[in-house]
Amino acid sequence: MARPRLSDGTRTRLLEASTSAFLENGYHGTGIKQILDEVNVPKGSFYNYFASKEELGVAVIRYYAECSAQKLTDALADSGDPLTGLRTFFERQMAEFEEAAFVGGCLLANLAGELDGSEACRRALATAFREWRDGVRDALGDAQSQGTVRGDIDATELADMLIEAWEGAVIRMKIDQTLAPLERCLRRQFDGYLLA
């Protein structure tokens, strides 16, 4: 029996709707029917794209990571130097958080706290965080080569520290409903700790 022809557009719409729903309601708080209704896809068609909700979760993590990587690439390309590009990337995330009225935050961190029972999702999250860290590391390494970022600490360690501080600030942002923790994080990192 021939497999039905799948639409990349429909799959992308399912991923976009799932990403938004997971950010707003969490993985466990989002039902497949809710996502299907959002994109006007019949329930039976869902299984042409994803074998299970867990498989959808893995695909959403990958999709979110790819979108974040593109945003980092864009911020670096739009800026005159890698350190400014990194700051631009994080400032653009702040603007997105504010536009969403502080609902959601970082999907990777949210799902990491919610999906500890899924090994497939854990592996996808570990890969997504590592790839994000590597992108930040590469930009910091370029900035070290230019002499704008301190060279006494390895760029990988600096990237881990920056992302870990940022994710902690995102949690505070959600609790306090203000950008102030993120602003403090960026100021302490980009105007202090990271500088050569």
N, C-alpha and C. Protein backbone atom coordinates (compact mmCIF):
# COMPACT_ATOMS: atom_id res chain seq x y z
N MET A 1 0.84 -1.18 0.00
CA MET A 1 0.00 0.00 0.00
C MET A 1 0.89 1.25 0.00
N ALA A 2 0.57 2.19 -0.85
CA ALA A 2 1.39 3.40 -0.96
C ALA A 2 1.11 4.32 0.23
N ARG A 3 2.18 4.91 0.72
CA ARG A 3 2.06 5.88 1.82
C ARG A 3 1.51 7.19 1.25
N PRO A 4 0.61 7.87 1.96
CA PRO A 4 0.06 9.12 1.44
C PRO A 4 1.15 10.18 1.29
N ARG A 5 0.97 11.03 0.29
CA ARG A 5 1.91 12.12 0.06
C ARG A 5 1.79 13.12 1.19
N LEU A 6 2.92 13.47 1.78
CA LEU A 6 2.92 14.37 2.91
C LEU A 6 3.28 15.78 2.47
N SER A 7 2.66 16.74 3.09
CA SER A 7 2.92 18.14 2.79
C SER A 7 3.89 18.71 3.80
N ASP A 8 5.02 19.24 3.30
CA ASP A 8 5.97 19.90 4.20
C ASP A 8 5.31 21.10 4.86
N GLY A 9 4.42 21.78 4.15
CA GLY A 9 3.72 22.93 4.71
C GLY A 9 2.86 22.54 5.90
N THR A 10 2.16 21.42 5.79
CA THR A 10 1.32 20.96 6.90
C THR A 10 2.19 20.57 8.08
N ARG A 11 3.28 19.87 7.83
CA ARG A 11 4.18 19.47 8.92
C ARG A 11 4.73 20.70 9.64
N THR A 12 5.13 21.70 8.87
CA THR A 12 5.65 22.93 9.47
C THR A 12 4.58 23.63 10.29
N ARG A 13 3.35 23.67 9.78
CA ARG A 13 2.25 24.29 10.53
C ARG A 13 1.99 23.54 11.83
N LEU A 14 2.07 22.21 11.78
CA LEU A 14 1.91 21.42 12.99
C LEU A 14 3.03 21.72 14.00
N LEU A 15 4.25 21.86 13.51
CA LEU A 15 5.37 22.17 14.41
C LEU A 15 5.23 23.57 15.01
N GLU A 16 4.83 24.53 14.18
CA GLU A 16 4.66 25.90 14.68
C GLU A 16 3.55 25.96 15.74
N ALA A 17 2.42 25.33 15.45
CA ALA A 17 1.31 25.33 16.39
C ALA A 17 1.69 24.60 17.68
N SER A 18 2.42 23.51 17.55
CA SER A 18 2.85 22.74 18.72
C SER A 18 3.83 23.55 19.56
N THR A 19 4.75 24.23 18.91
CA THR A 19 5.71 25.06 19.64
C THR A 19 4.98 26.12 20.46
N SER A 20 4.05 26.81 19.84
CA SER A 20 3.29 27.84 20.56
C SER A 20 2.49 27.24 21.71
N ALA A 21 1.84 26.12 21.44
CA ALA A 21 1.03 25.48 22.48
C ALA A 21 1.89 24.97 23.63
N PHE A 22 3.04 24.38 23.33
CA PHE A 22 3.93 23.89 24.39
C PHE A 22 4.46 25.05 25.22
N LEU A 23 4.75 26.19 24.57
CA LEU A 23 5.22 27.35 25.32
C LEU A 23 4.13 27.88 26.25
N GLU A 24 2.91 27.89 25.77
CA GLU A 24 1.82 28.47 26.55
C GLU A 24 1.29 27.52 27.61
N ASN A 25 1.13 26.24 27.25
CA ASN A 25 0.45 25.29 28.14
C ASN A 25 1.34 24.16 28.64
N GLY A 26 2.56 24.07 28.15
CA GLY A 26 3.41 22.94 28.50
C GLY A 26 3.11 21.74 27.62
N TYR A 27 4.00 20.78 27.64
CA TYR A 27 3.84 19.57 26.84
C TYR A 27 2.62 18.77 27.32
N HIS A 28 2.56 18.52 28.63
CA HIS A 28 1.48 17.70 29.16
C HIS A 28 0.14 18.43 29.16
N GLY A 29 0.17 19.76 29.14
CA GLY A 29 -1.05 20.54 29.13
C GLY A 29 -1.61 20.78 27.74
N THR A 30 -0.93 20.25 26.73
CA THR A 30 -1.35 20.43 25.34
C THR A 30 -1.82 19.09 24.78
N GLY A 31 -3.02 19.10 24.23
CA GLY A 31 -3.54 17.89 23.61
C GLY A 31 -3.35 17.92 22.10
N ILE A 32 -3.26 16.75 21.51
CA ILE A 32 -3.11 16.64 20.05
C ILE A 32 -4.30 17.30 19.36
N LYS A 33 -5.49 17.11 19.89
CA LYS A 33 -6.68 17.70 19.27
C LYS A 33 -6.57 19.22 19.21
N GLN A 34 -6.06 19.82 20.26
CA GLN A 34 -5.88 21.28 20.30
C GLN A 34 -4.98 21.74 19.14
N ILE A 35 -3.90 21.03 18.91
CA ILE A 35 -2.97 21.38 17.84
C ILE A 35 -3.63 21.19 16.48
N LEU A 36 -4.30 20.06 16.32
CA LEU A 36 -4.95 19.76 15.04
C LEU A 36 -6.05 20.78 14.72
N ASP A 37 -6.80 21.17 15.72
CA ASP A 37 -7.84 22.18 15.52
C ASP A 37 -7.22 23.51 15.11
N GLU A 38 -6.09 23.83 15.69
CA GLU A 38 -5.41 25.10 15.38
C GLU A 38 -5.01 25.19 13.91
N VAL A 39 -4.55 24.08 13.36
CA VAL A 39 -4.08 24.08 11.96
C VAL A 39 -5.10 23.47 11.00
N ASN A 40 -6.27 23.10 11.53
CA ASN A 40 -7.33 22.55 10.70
C ASN A 40 -6.89 21.30 9.95
N VAL A 41 -6.35 20.34 10.73
CA VAL A 41 -5.89 19.06 10.17
C VAL A 41 -6.70 17.95 10.83
N PRO A 42 -7.24 17.02 10.05
CA PRO A 42 -8.00 15.90 10.65
C PRO A 42 -7.10 15.03 11.53
N LYS A 43 -7.69 14.47 12.58
CA LYS A 43 -6.92 13.70 13.55
C LYS A 43 -6.14 12.57 12.91
N GLY A 44 -6.75 11.85 12.01
CA GLY A 44 -6.05 10.73 11.37
C GLY A 44 -4.82 11.16 10.60
N SER A 45 -4.82 12.39 10.10
CA SER A 45 -3.67 12.88 9.33
C SER A 45 -2.45 13.11 10.20
N PHE A 46 -2.67 13.38 11.48
CA PHE A 46 -1.54 13.62 12.38
C PHE A 46 -0.54 12.47 12.32
N TYR A 47 -1.05 11.26 12.29
CA TYR A 47 -0.19 10.08 12.34
C TYR A 47 0.55 9.82 11.03
N ASN A 48 0.21 10.57 9.99
CA ASN A 48 1.04 10.53 8.78
C ASN A 48 2.34 11.30 8.98
N TYR A 49 2.36 12.19 9.95
CA TYR A 49 3.52 13.05 10.20
C TYR A 49 4.31 12.63 11.44
N PHE A 50 3.62 12.16 12.45
CA PHE A 50 4.27 11.80 13.72
C PHE A 50 3.61 10.53 14.25
N ALA A 51 4.44 9.58 14.67
CA ALA A 51 3.91 8.31 15.17
C ALA A 51 3.29 8.44 16.54
N SER A 52 3.68 9.48 17.30
CA SER A 52 3.19 9.64 18.67
C SER A 52 3.40 11.09 19.11
N LYS A 53 2.83 11.41 20.25
CA LYS A 53 3.06 12.75 20.80
C LYS A 53 4.52 12.91 21.19
N GLU A 54 5.15 11.84 21.67
CA GLU A 54 6.57 11.92 22.01
C GLU A 54 7.40 12.25 20.76
N GLU A 55 7.08 11.61 19.63
CA GLU A 55 7.81 11.91 18.40
C GLU A 55 7.58 13.36 17.99
N LEU A 56 6.37 13.85 18.19
CA LEU A 56 6.10 15.27 17.95
C LEU A 56 6.96 16.13 18.86
N GLY A 57 7.07 15.75 20.13
CA GLY A 57 7.90 16.50 21.07
C GLY A 57 9.34 16.60 20.61
N VAL A 58 9.90 15.50 20.15
CA VAL A 58 11.27 15.50 19.63
C VAL A 58 11.37 16.43 18.42
N ALA A 59 10.40 16.35 17.52
CA ALA A 59 10.42 17.20 16.32
C ALA A 59 10.29 18.68 16.68
N VAL A 60 9.48 19.00 17.68
CA VAL A 60 9.33 20.39 18.12
C VAL A 60 10.64 20.90 18.70
N ILE A 61 11.31 20.07 19.48
CA ILE A 61 12.61 20.47 20.05
C ILE A 61 13.59 20.77 18.92
N ARG A 62 13.66 19.91 17.93
CA ARG A 62 14.57 20.14 16.79
C ARG A 62 14.19 21.40 16.03
N TYR A 63 12.89 21.57 15.80
CA TYR A 63 12.40 22.74 15.07
C TYR A 63 12.75 24.03 15.82
N TYR A 64 12.49 24.05 17.12
CA TYR A 64 12.80 25.22 17.95
C TYR A 64 14.31 25.51 17.93
N ALA A 65 15.11 24.46 18.02
CA ALA A 65 16.57 24.63 18.00
C ALA A 65 17.04 25.19 16.66
N GLU A 66 16.45 24.71 15.55
CA GLU A 66 16.82 25.22 14.23
C GLU A 66 16.44 26.69 14.08
N CYS A 67 15.27 27.06 14.59
CA CYS A 67 14.84 28.46 14.54
C CYS A 67 15.76 29.33 15.38
N SER A 68 16.14 28.85 16.56
CA SER A 68 17.05 29.61 17.42
C SER A 68 18.43 29.76 16.78
N ALA A 69 18.90 28.70 16.14
CA ALA A 69 20.20 28.78 15.46
C ALA A 69 20.17 29.80 14.34
N GLN A 70 19.07 29.85 13.61
CA GLN A 70 18.94 30.84 12.54
C GLN A 70 18.90 32.25 13.11
N LYS A 71 18.23 32.43 14.23
CA LYS A 71 18.18 33.75 14.87
C LYS A 71 19.57 34.19 15.34
N LEU A 72 20.35 33.24 15.84
CA LEU A 72 21.72 33.57 16.24
C LEU A 72 22.55 33.95 15.02
N THR A 73 22.43 33.18 13.94
CA THR A 73 23.14 33.49 12.70
C THR A 73 22.76 34.87 12.19
N ASP A 74 21.48 35.18 12.21
CA ASP A 74 21.01 36.49 11.74
C ASP A 74 21.55 37.63 12.60
N ALA A 75 21.52 37.45 13.92
CA ALA A 75 22.01 38.50 14.82
C ALA A 75 23.50 38.74 14.60
N LEU A 76 24.25 37.67 14.41
CA LEU A 76 25.69 37.82 14.17
C LEU A 76 25.95 38.51 12.83
N ALA A 77 25.15 38.17 11.82
CA ALA A 77 25.32 38.78 10.50
C ALA A 77 24.91 40.25 10.51
N ASP A 78 23.94 40.62 11.34
CA ASP A 78 23.44 41.99 11.38
C ASP A 78 24.35 42.92 12.18
N SER A 79 25.30 42.37 12.89
CA SER A 79 26.13 43.18 13.78
C SER A 79 27.55 43.29 13.24
N GLY A 80 28.25 44.29 13.72
CA GLY A 80 29.60 44.54 13.22
C GLY A 80 30.65 43.64 13.81
N ASP A 81 30.37 43.01 14.93
CA ASP A 81 31.36 42.14 15.57
C ASP A 81 30.64 41.04 16.34
N PRO A 82 31.34 39.96 16.67
CA PRO A 82 30.67 38.81 17.29
C PRO A 82 30.10 39.12 18.68
N LEU A 83 30.76 39.93 19.47
CA LEU A 83 30.24 40.23 20.80
C LEU A 83 28.94 41.03 20.71
N THR A 84 28.90 42.01 19.82
CA THR A 84 27.68 42.78 19.60
C THR A 84 26.58 41.87 19.05
N GLY A 85 26.95 40.96 18.16
CA GLY A 85 25.98 40.03 17.59
C GLY A 85 25.35 39.14 18.65
N LEU A 86 26.17 38.65 19.57
CA LEU A 86 25.63 37.82 20.66
C LEU A 86 24.66 38.62 21.53
N ARG A 87 25.06 39.82 21.86
CA ARG A 87 24.18 40.65 22.69
C ARG A 87 22.87 40.92 21.94
N THR A 88 22.97 41.20 20.65
CA THR A 88 21.77 41.43 19.83
C THR A 88 20.86 40.21 19.86
N PHE A 89 21.43 39.02 19.76
CA PHE A 89 20.64 37.79 19.82
C PHE A 89 19.84 37.72 21.11
N PHE A 90 20.49 37.94 22.24
CA PHE A 90 19.80 37.87 23.52
C PHE A 90 18.79 39.01 23.69
N GLU A 91 19.12 40.18 23.20
CA GLU A 91 18.17 41.30 23.28
C GLU A 91 16.92 41.03 22.44
N ARG A 92 17.10 40.39 21.30
CA ARG A 92 15.94 40.02 20.48
C ARG A 92 15.08 38.98 21.19
N GLN A 93 15.71 38.07 21.91
CA GLN A 93 14.93 37.11 22.71
C GLN A 93 14.12 37.84 23.76
N MET A 94 14.73 38.83 24.40
CA MET A 94 14.01 39.62 25.40
C MET A 94 12.78 40.28 24.79
N ALA A 95 12.94 40.83 23.60
CA ALA A 95 11.81 41.48 22.93
C ALA A 95 10.69 40.47 22.65
N GLU A 96 11.06 39.25 22.26
CA GLU A 96 10.06 38.20 22.02
C GLU A 96 9.35 37.83 23.32
N PHE A 97 10.10 37.72 24.41
CA PHE A 97 9.49 37.38 25.70
C PHE A 97 8.50 38.47 26.12
N GLU A 98 8.91 39.73 25.93
CA GLU A 98 8.04 40.85 26.31
C GLU A 98 6.79 40.87 25.44
N GLU A 99 6.96 40.63 24.15
CA GLU A 99 5.81 40.60 23.24
C GLU A 99 4.81 39.52 23.63
N ALA A 100 5.33 38.40 24.14
CA ALA A 100 4.48 37.29 24.57
C ALA A 100 3.98 37.47 26.01
N ALA A 101 4.19 38.67 26.56
CA ALA A 101 3.76 38.98 27.93
C ALA A 101 4.34 38.00 28.94
N PHE A 102 5.60 37.59 28.70
CA PHE A 102 6.37 36.73 29.61
C PHE A 102 5.82 35.32 29.72
N VAL A 103 4.90 34.96 28.85
CA VAL A 103 4.38 33.59 28.82
C VAL A 103 5.36 32.73 28.04
N GLY A 104 5.69 31.60 28.56
CA GLY A 104 6.54 30.67 27.83
C GLY A 104 7.99 30.72 28.25
N GLY A 105 8.71 31.71 27.78
CA GLY A 105 10.14 31.76 28.04
C GLY A 105 10.88 30.91 27.03
N CYS A 106 11.83 30.14 27.51
CA CYS A 106 12.63 29.27 26.64
C CYS A 106 12.02 27.87 26.60
N LEU A 107 11.60 27.46 25.43
CA LEU A 107 10.95 26.15 25.30
C LEU A 107 11.88 25.01 25.73
N LEU A 108 13.16 25.11 25.43
CA LEU A 108 14.09 24.04 25.79
C LEU A 108 14.14 23.84 27.30
N ALA A 109 14.26 24.95 28.03
CA ALA A 109 14.31 24.84 29.49
C ALA A 109 12.97 24.35 30.04
N ASN A 110 11.87 24.85 29.48
CA ASN A 110 10.55 24.40 29.94
C ASN A 110 10.39 22.90 29.78
N LEU A 111 10.73 22.40 28.59
CA LEU A 111 10.56 20.97 28.33
C LEU A 111 11.53 20.13 29.14
N ALA A 112 12.73 20.66 29.40
CA ALA A 112 13.69 19.92 30.21
C ALA A 112 13.13 19.63 31.59
N GLY A 113 12.36 20.58 32.12
CA GLY A 113 11.76 20.38 33.43
C GLY A 113 10.52 19.50 33.41
N GLU A 114 9.94 19.33 32.23
CA GLU A 114 8.67 18.62 32.12
C GLU A 114 8.81 17.20 31.55
N LEU A 115 9.84 16.95 30.77
CA LEU A 115 9.93 15.69 30.03
C LEU A 115 11.04 14.78 30.54
N ASP A 116 11.24 14.74 31.84
CA ASP A 116 12.31 13.91 32.37
C ASP A 116 12.05 12.42 32.23
N GLY A 117 10.82 12.04 31.87
CA GLY A 117 10.51 10.62 31.69
C GLY A 117 10.70 10.11 30.27
N SER A 118 11.03 11.01 29.34
CA SER A 118 11.18 10.61 27.94
C SER A 118 12.65 10.65 27.54
N GLU A 119 13.23 9.50 27.30
CA GLU A 119 14.64 9.43 26.91
C GLU A 119 14.85 10.06 25.53
N ALA A 120 13.91 9.86 24.61
CA ALA A 120 14.04 10.44 23.27
C ALA A 120 14.04 11.97 23.35
N CYS A 121 13.15 12.53 24.16
CA CYS A 121 13.11 13.98 24.30
C CYS A 121 14.34 14.49 25.05
N ARG A 122 14.81 13.75 26.06
CA ARG A 122 16.01 14.15 26.78
C ARG A 122 17.20 14.25 25.85
N ARG A 123 17.34 13.25 24.96
CA ARG A 123 18.46 13.27 24.00
C ARG A 123 18.33 14.44 23.04
N ALA A 124 17.10 14.71 22.58
CA ALA A 124 16.89 15.84 21.67
C ALA A 124 17.20 17.16 22.36
N LEU A 125 16.81 17.29 23.63
CA LEU A 125 17.10 18.50 24.39
C LEU A 125 18.60 18.66 24.61
N ALA A 126 19.28 17.57 24.94
CA ALA A 126 20.74 17.64 25.14
C ALA A 126 21.43 18.09 23.86
N THR A 127 21.00 17.57 22.73
CA THR A 127 21.57 17.97 21.45
C THR A 127 21.29 19.44 21.16
N ALA A 128 20.05 19.88 21.42
CA ALA A 128 19.67 21.27 21.16
C ALA A 128 20.49 22.22 22.02
N PHE A 129 20.63 21.92 23.31
CA PHE A 129 21.43 22.78 24.18
C PHE A 129 22.89 22.79 23.75
N ARG A 130 23.42 21.63 23.38
CA ARG A 130 24.82 21.56 22.95
C ARG A 130 25.04 22.37 21.68
N GLU A 131 24.12 22.27 20.73
CA GLU A 131 24.27 23.04 19.48
C GLU A 131 24.17 24.54 19.74
N TRP A 132 23.25 24.94 20.63
CA TRP A 132 23.14 26.35 20.99
C TRP A 132 24.44 26.82 21.65
N ARG A 133 24.93 26.02 22.61
CA ARG A 133 26.18 26.35 23.29
C ARG A 133 27.32 26.47 22.27
N ASP A 134 27.38 25.57 21.31
CA ASP A 134 28.46 25.60 20.32
C ASP A 134 28.39 26.86 19.46
N GLY A 135 27.18 27.30 19.11
CA GLY A 135 27.05 28.54 18.35
C GLY A 135 27.54 29.74 19.14
N VAL A 136 27.16 29.79 20.41
CA VAL A 136 27.62 30.87 21.29
C VAL A 136 29.12 30.77 21.48
N ARG A 137 29.62 29.56 21.68
CA ARG A 137 31.06 29.34 21.84
C ARG A 137 31.84 29.85 20.64
N ASP A 138 31.36 29.54 19.44
CA ASP A 138 32.07 29.98 18.24
C ASP A 138 32.13 31.50 18.14
N ALA A 139 31.02 32.16 18.48
CA ALA A 139 31.00 33.62 18.46
C ALA A 139 31.95 34.18 19.51
N LEU A 140 31.94 33.60 20.70
CA LEU A 140 32.86 34.06 21.75
C LEU A 140 34.31 33.80 21.36
N GLY A 141 34.57 32.67 20.71
CA GLY A 141 35.93 32.39 20.23
C GLY A 141 36.39 33.42 19.21
N ASP A 142 35.48 33.81 18.31
CA ASP A 142 35.81 34.86 17.34
C ASP A 142 36.10 36.17 18.06
N ALA A 143 35.30 36.47 19.08
CA ALA A 143 35.52 37.71 19.84
C ALA A 143 36.84 37.64 20.62
N GLN A 144 37.18 36.46 21.11
CA GLN A 144 38.48 36.32 21.77
C GLN A 144 39.62 36.58 20.78
N SER A 145 39.47 36.08 19.57
CA SER A 145 40.50 36.31 18.54
C SER A 145 40.65 37.80 18.21
N GLN A 146 39.55 38.54 18.32
CA GLN A 146 39.58 39.97 18.07
C GLN A 146 40.02 40.77 19.29
N GLY A 147 40.15 40.09 20.42
CA GLY A 147 40.60 40.76 21.63
C GLY A 147 39.52 41.48 22.41
N THR A 148 38.24 41.22 22.09
CA THR A 148 37.16 41.91 22.80
C THR A 148 36.60 41.08 23.96
N VAL A 149 36.88 39.78 23.99
CA VAL A 149 36.43 38.91 25.07
C VAL A 149 37.65 38.32 25.76
N ARG A 150 37.57 38.21 27.04
CA ARG A 150 38.69 37.70 27.85
C ARG A 150 39.18 36.36 27.29
N GLY A 151 40.48 36.18 27.30
CA GLY A 151 41.06 34.97 26.75
C GLY A 151 41.57 34.00 27.80
N ASP A 152 41.40 34.33 29.07
CA ASP A 152 41.92 33.47 30.14
C ASP A 152 41.00 32.30 30.46
N ILE A 153 39.82 32.27 29.88
CA ILE A 153 38.87 31.18 30.10
C ILE A 153 38.45 30.67 28.72
N ASP A 154 38.41 29.35 28.58
CA ASP A 154 38.04 28.72 27.32
C ASP A 154 36.65 29.19 26.86
N ALA A 155 36.49 29.38 25.56
CA ALA A 155 35.23 29.88 25.00
C ALA A 155 34.06 28.94 25.30
N THR A 156 34.30 27.64 25.36
CA THR A 156 33.23 26.69 25.69
C THR A 156 32.73 26.92 27.11
N GLU A 157 33.66 27.12 28.04
CA GLU A 157 33.27 27.37 29.42
C GLU A 157 32.52 28.70 29.54
N LEU A 158 32.98 29.72 28.82
CA LEU A 158 32.29 31.00 28.84
C LEU A 158 30.87 30.86 28.27
N ALA A 159 30.73 30.10 27.20
CA ALA A 159 29.41 29.91 26.59
C ALA A 159 28.48 29.17 27.54
N ASP A 160 28.97 28.13 28.20
CA ASP A 160 28.15 27.40 29.18
C ASP A 160 27.69 28.34 30.29
N MET A 161 28.62 29.13 30.79
CA MET A 161 28.29 30.05 31.88
C MET A 161 27.26 31.09 31.45
N LEU A 162 27.41 31.63 30.24
CA LEU A 162 26.48 32.63 29.74
C LEU A 162 25.08 32.04 29.58
N ILE A 163 24.98 30.88 28.97
CA ILE A 163 23.67 30.26 28.75
C ILE A 163 23.03 29.85 30.07
N GLU A 164 23.81 29.31 30.98
CA GLU A 164 23.26 28.90 32.27
C GLU A 164 22.76 30.12 33.06
N ALA A 165 23.51 31.22 33.02
CA ALA A 165 23.07 32.45 33.69
C ALA A 165 21.80 32.98 33.03
N TRP A 166 21.76 32.93 31.68
CA TRP A 166 20.59 33.41 30.94
C TRP A 166 19.35 32.60 31.29
N GLU A 167 19.47 31.28 31.31
CA GLU A 167 18.32 30.44 31.60
C GLU A 167 17.80 30.68 33.02
N GLY A 168 18.69 30.89 33.97
CA GLY A 168 18.27 31.24 35.32
C GLY A 168 17.52 32.56 35.34
N ALA A 169 18.00 33.54 34.56
CA ALA A 169 17.34 34.84 34.47
C ALA A 169 15.97 34.71 33.81
N VAL A 170 15.84 33.80 32.85
CA VAL A 170 14.54 33.58 32.20
C VAL A 170 13.52 33.06 33.22
N ILE A 171 13.95 32.18 34.10
CA ILE A 171 13.05 31.68 35.14
C ILE A 171 12.59 32.83 36.03
N ARG A 172 13.53 33.67 36.45
CA ARG A 172 13.16 34.83 37.28
C ARG A 172 12.23 35.78 36.52
N MET A 173 12.48 35.97 35.23
CA MET A 173 11.62 36.82 34.41
C MET A 173 10.18 36.32 34.46
N LYS A 174 10.01 35.00 34.33
CA LYS A 174 8.67 34.43 34.33
C LYS A 174 8.00 34.60 35.70
N ILE A 175 8.76 34.45 36.75
CA ILE A 175 8.21 34.58 38.10
C ILE A 175 7.85 36.04 38.39
N ASP A 176 8.78 36.95 38.07
CA ASP A 176 8.60 38.36 38.41
C ASP A 176 7.83 39.16 37.36
N GLN A 177 7.63 38.55 36.17
CA GLN A 177 6.92 39.21 35.07
C GLN A 177 7.57 40.54 34.68
N THR A 178 8.89 40.50 34.57
CA THR A 178 9.65 41.68 34.19
C THR A 178 10.93 41.26 33.49
N LEU A 179 11.43 42.13 32.62
CA LEU A 179 12.68 41.87 31.92
C LEU A 179 13.91 42.16 32.79
N ALA A 180 13.71 42.71 33.97
CA ALA A 180 14.84 43.15 34.80
C ALA A 180 15.90 42.06 35.03
N PRO A 181 15.53 40.80 35.33
CA PRO A 181 16.57 39.78 35.51
C PRO A 181 17.40 39.56 34.24
N LEU A 182 16.76 39.63 33.08
CA LEU A 182 17.48 39.45 31.82
C LEU A 182 18.40 40.64 31.55
N GLU A 183 17.91 41.83 31.84
CA GLU A 183 18.73 43.03 31.66
C GLU A 183 19.96 42.97 32.56
N ARG A 184 19.77 42.55 33.81
CA ARG A 184 20.91 42.41 34.73
C ARG A 184 21.90 41.37 34.21
N CYS A 185 21.37 40.25 33.73
CA CYS A 185 22.24 39.19 33.20
C CYS A 185 23.10 39.71 32.06
N LEU A 186 22.48 40.37 31.10
CA LEU A 186 23.24 40.87 29.96
C LEU A 186 24.24 41.94 30.38
N ARG A 187 23.84 42.83 31.27
CA ARG A 187 24.74 43.88 31.72
C ARG A 187 25.96 43.27 32.43
N ARG A 188 25.72 42.33 33.32
CA ARG A 188 26.82 41.71 34.07
C ARG A 188 27.77 40.92 33.15
N GLN A 189 27.20 40.27 32.15
CA GLN A 189 28.01 39.48 31.24
C GLN A 189 28.73 40.32 30.19
N PHE A 190 27.94 41.13 29.47
CA PHE A 190 28.48 41.83 28.30
C PHE A 190 29.20 43.13 28.65
N ASP A 191 28.88 43.70 29.81
CA ASP A 191 29.57 44.93 30.21
C ASP A 191 30.59 44.67 31.29
N GLY A 192 30.77 43.40 31.66
CA GLY A 192 31.70 43.09 32.74
C GLY A 192 32.45 41.81 32.52
N TYR A 193 31.85 40.70 32.94
CA TYR A 193 32.57 39.43 33.03
C TYR A 193 33.23 38.96 31.73
N LEU A 194 32.56 39.13 30.61
CA LEU A 194 33.09 38.61 29.35
C LEU A 194 34.20 39.48 28.74
N LEU A 195 34.27 40.73 29.16
CA LEU A 195 35.17 41.66 28.48
C LEU A 195 36.64 41.36 28.75
N ALA A 196 37.45 41.62 27.73
CA ALA A 196 38.90 41.43 27.83
C ALA A 196 39.48 42.49 28.74
